[in-house]
C-alpha atoms as a PDB file:
ATOM      1  CA  MET A   1      17.901  -0.984   6.531  1.00  0.00           C
ATOM      2  CA  CYS A   2      15.415  -2.287   3.709  1.00  0.00           C
ATOM      3  CA  THR A   3      12.094  -2.821   3.919  1.00  0.00           C
ATOM      4  CA  GLN A   4      12.068  -6.872   4.174  1.00  0.00           C
ATOM      5  CA  GLU A   5      14.840  -6.820   6.803  1.00  0.00           C
ATOM      6  CA  LEU A   6      12.154  -4.190   8.993  1.00  0.00           C
ATOM      7  CA  ARG A   7       9.416  -6.598   8.417  1.00  0.00           C
ATOM      8  CA  LYS A   8      11.622 -10.020   9.524  1.00  0.00           C
ATOM      9  CA  ARG A   9      12.667  -7.608  12.595  1.00  0.00           C
ATOM     10  CA  ALA A  10       8.821  -6.880  13.298  1.00  0.00           C
ATOM     11  CA  HIS A  11       7.415  -9.956  12.957  1.00  0.00           C
ATOM     12  CA  ASP A  12       9.937 -11.230  15.678  1.00  0.00           C
ATOM     13  CA  LEU A  13       9.233  -8.496  17.938  1.00  0.00           C
ATOM     14  CA  ASP A  14       6.633  -8.955  21.011  1.00  0.00           C
ATOM     15  CA  VAL A  15       3.696  -6.690  21.834  1.00  0.00           C
ATOM     16  CA  THR A  16       5.407  -4.082  23.923  1.00  0.00           C
ATOM     17  CA  VAL A  17       2.485  -1.442  24.378  1.00  0.00           C
ATOM     18  CA  TRP A  18      -1.096  -2.233  25.025  1.00  0.00           C
ATOM     19  CA  VAL A  19      -3.986   0.436  24.393  1.00  0.00           C
ATOM     20  CA  GLY A  20      -7.019  -0.528  26.114  1.00  0.00           C
ATOM     21  CA  LYS A  21     -10.379   1.036  27.114  1.00  0.00           C
ATOM     22  CA  ALA A  22      -8.281   4.621  28.508  1.00  0.00           C
ATOM     23  CA  GLY A  23      -6.881   5.036  24.471  1.00  0.00           C
ATOM     24  CA  ILE A  24      -4.206   6.376  22.752  1.00  0.00           C
ATOM     25  CA  GLU A  25      -4.016   8.979  25.109  1.00  0.00           C
ATOM     26  CA  SER A  26      -2.831   6.934  28.216  1.00  0.00           C
ATOM     27  CA  VAL A  27       0.092   4.921  26.595  1.00  0.00           C
ATOM     28  CA  VAL A  28       1.979   8.223  24.455  1.00  0.00           C
ATOM     29  CA  ASP A  29       4.312   8.554  27.257  1.00  0.00           C
ATOM     30  CA  GLU A  30       5.275   4.904  27.191  1.00  0.00           C
ATOM     31  CA  LEU A  31       5.659   4.673  23.229  1.00  0.00           C
ATOM     32  CA  ALA A  32       7.404   7.495  22.632  1.00  0.00           C
ATOM     33  CA  ASP A  33      10.187   6.528  25.409  1.00  0.00           C
ATOM     34  CA  GLN A  34      10.295   2.692  23.873  1.00  0.00           C
ATOM     35  CA  LEU A  35      10.813   4.288  20.400  1.00  0.00           C
ATOM     36  CA  LYS A  36      13.515   6.620  21.487  1.00  0.00           C
ATOM     37  CA  ASP A  37      15.581   2.947  22.408  1.00  0.00           C
ATOM     38  CA  ARG A  38      14.271   0.979  20.038  1.00  0.00           C
ATOM     39  CA  GLU A  39      13.925   0.871  16.379  1.00  0.00           C
ATOM     40  CA  LEU A  40      10.384  -0.666  16.146  1.00  0.00           C
ATOM     41  CA  VAL A  41       7.920  -0.856  18.296  1.00  0.00           C
ATOM     42  CA  LYS A  42       5.108  -3.369  18.171  1.00  0.00           C
ATOM     43  CA  VAL A  43       1.624  -2.163  19.524  1.00  0.00           C
ATOM     44  CA  LYS A  44      -1.870  -3.854  19.895  1.00  0.00           C
ATOM     45  CA  PHE A  45      -5.166  -2.650  20.047  1.00  0.00           C
ATOM     46  CA  LEU A  46      -7.314  -4.326  22.035  1.00  0.00           C
ATOM     47  CA  ARG A  47     -11.100  -4.723  21.486  1.00  0.00           C
ATOM     48  CA  ALA A  48     -12.213  -1.630  24.377  1.00  0.00           C
ATOM     49  CA  ALA A  49      -9.607   0.910  22.497  1.00  0.00           C
ATOM     50  CA  ARG A  50     -11.127   0.255  18.931  1.00  0.00           C
ATOM     51  CA  GLY A  51     -14.833   1.471  19.873  1.00  0.00           C
ATOM     52  CA  GLY A  52     -15.786   2.590  16.345  1.00  0.00           C
ATOM     53  CA  THR A  53     -13.003   2.661  14.918  1.00  0.00           C
ATOM     54  CA  THR A  54     -10.373   0.510  13.007  1.00  0.00           C
ATOM     55  CA  THR A  55      -7.220  -0.473  14.241  1.00  0.00           C
ATOM     56  CA  GLU A  56      -5.200   1.436  11.338  1.00  0.00           C
ATOM     57  CA  GLU A  57      -7.088   4.749  12.224  1.00  0.00           C
ATOM     58  CA  LEU A  58      -5.735   4.335  16.064  1.00  0.00           C
ATOM     59  CA  ALA A  59      -2.204   3.441  14.583  1.00  0.00           C
ATOM     60  CA  GLU A  60      -2.042   6.607  12.391  1.00  0.00           C
ATOM     61  CA  GLU A  61      -3.220   8.723  14.951  1.00  0.00           C
ATOM     62  CA  LEU A  62      -0.412   7.080  17.354  1.00  0.00           C
ATOM     63  CA  ALA A  63       1.960   7.468  15.467  1.00  0.00           C
ATOM     64  CA  GLU A  64       1.254  11.076  14.577  1.00  0.00           C
ATOM     65  CA  ARG A  65       0.981  11.988  18.842  1.00  0.00           C
ATOM     66  CA  VAL A  66       5.047  10.258  19.308  1.00  0.00           C
ATOM     67  CA  GLY A  67       6.586  11.456  16.049  1.00  0.00           C
ATOM     68  CA  ALA A  68       6.805   7.725  14.814  1.00  0.00           C
ATOM     69  CA  ASP A  69       6.173   6.495  11.234  1.00  0.00           C
ATOM     70  CA  LEU A  70       3.041   3.780  11.006  1.00  0.00           C
ATOM     71  CA  PHE A  71       5.555   0.695   9.528  1.00  0.00           C
ATOM     72  CA  GLU A  72       2.577  -2.114   9.337  1.00  0.00           C
ATOM     73  CA  THR A  73      -0.757  -2.622  10.651  1.00  0.00           C
ATOM     74  CA  ARG A  74      -1.415  -6.528  11.066  1.00  0.00           C
ATOM     75  CA  GLY A  75      -4.576  -7.670  12.799  1.00  0.00           C
ATOM     76  CA  HIS A  76      -5.107  -5.470  15.745  1.00  0.00           C
ATOM     77  CA  THR A  77      -1.370  -4.991  15.941  1.00  0.00           C
ATOM     78  CA  ALA A  78       0.437  -2.050  14.466  1.00  0.00           C
ATOM     79  CA  VAL A  79       4.160  -1.392  14.413  1.00  0.00           C
ATOM     80  CA  MET A  80       5.853   1.562  14.666  1.00  0.00           C
ATOM     81  CA  HIS A  81       8.831   2.963  13.419  1.00  0.00           C
ATOM     82  CA  ARG A  82      11.046   5.754  14.216  1.00  0.00           C
END
């Protein structure tokens, strides 16, 4: 699937994983399960999760933990791709 088509599909996705004050550790299993069923998953990083780090840093770490690719970040939302 081409990048442009993936970007369009990602735009239409609803957020299904929220990262809060418990951090990325609390969502690793849930995200991994969702990526088994879907090609793209949208993740929202709440203010409490970000602390002193950026959304990009957290998203990259989370993607690495679940063996996914970080497709894009926009604002405080990231899209993971399997």
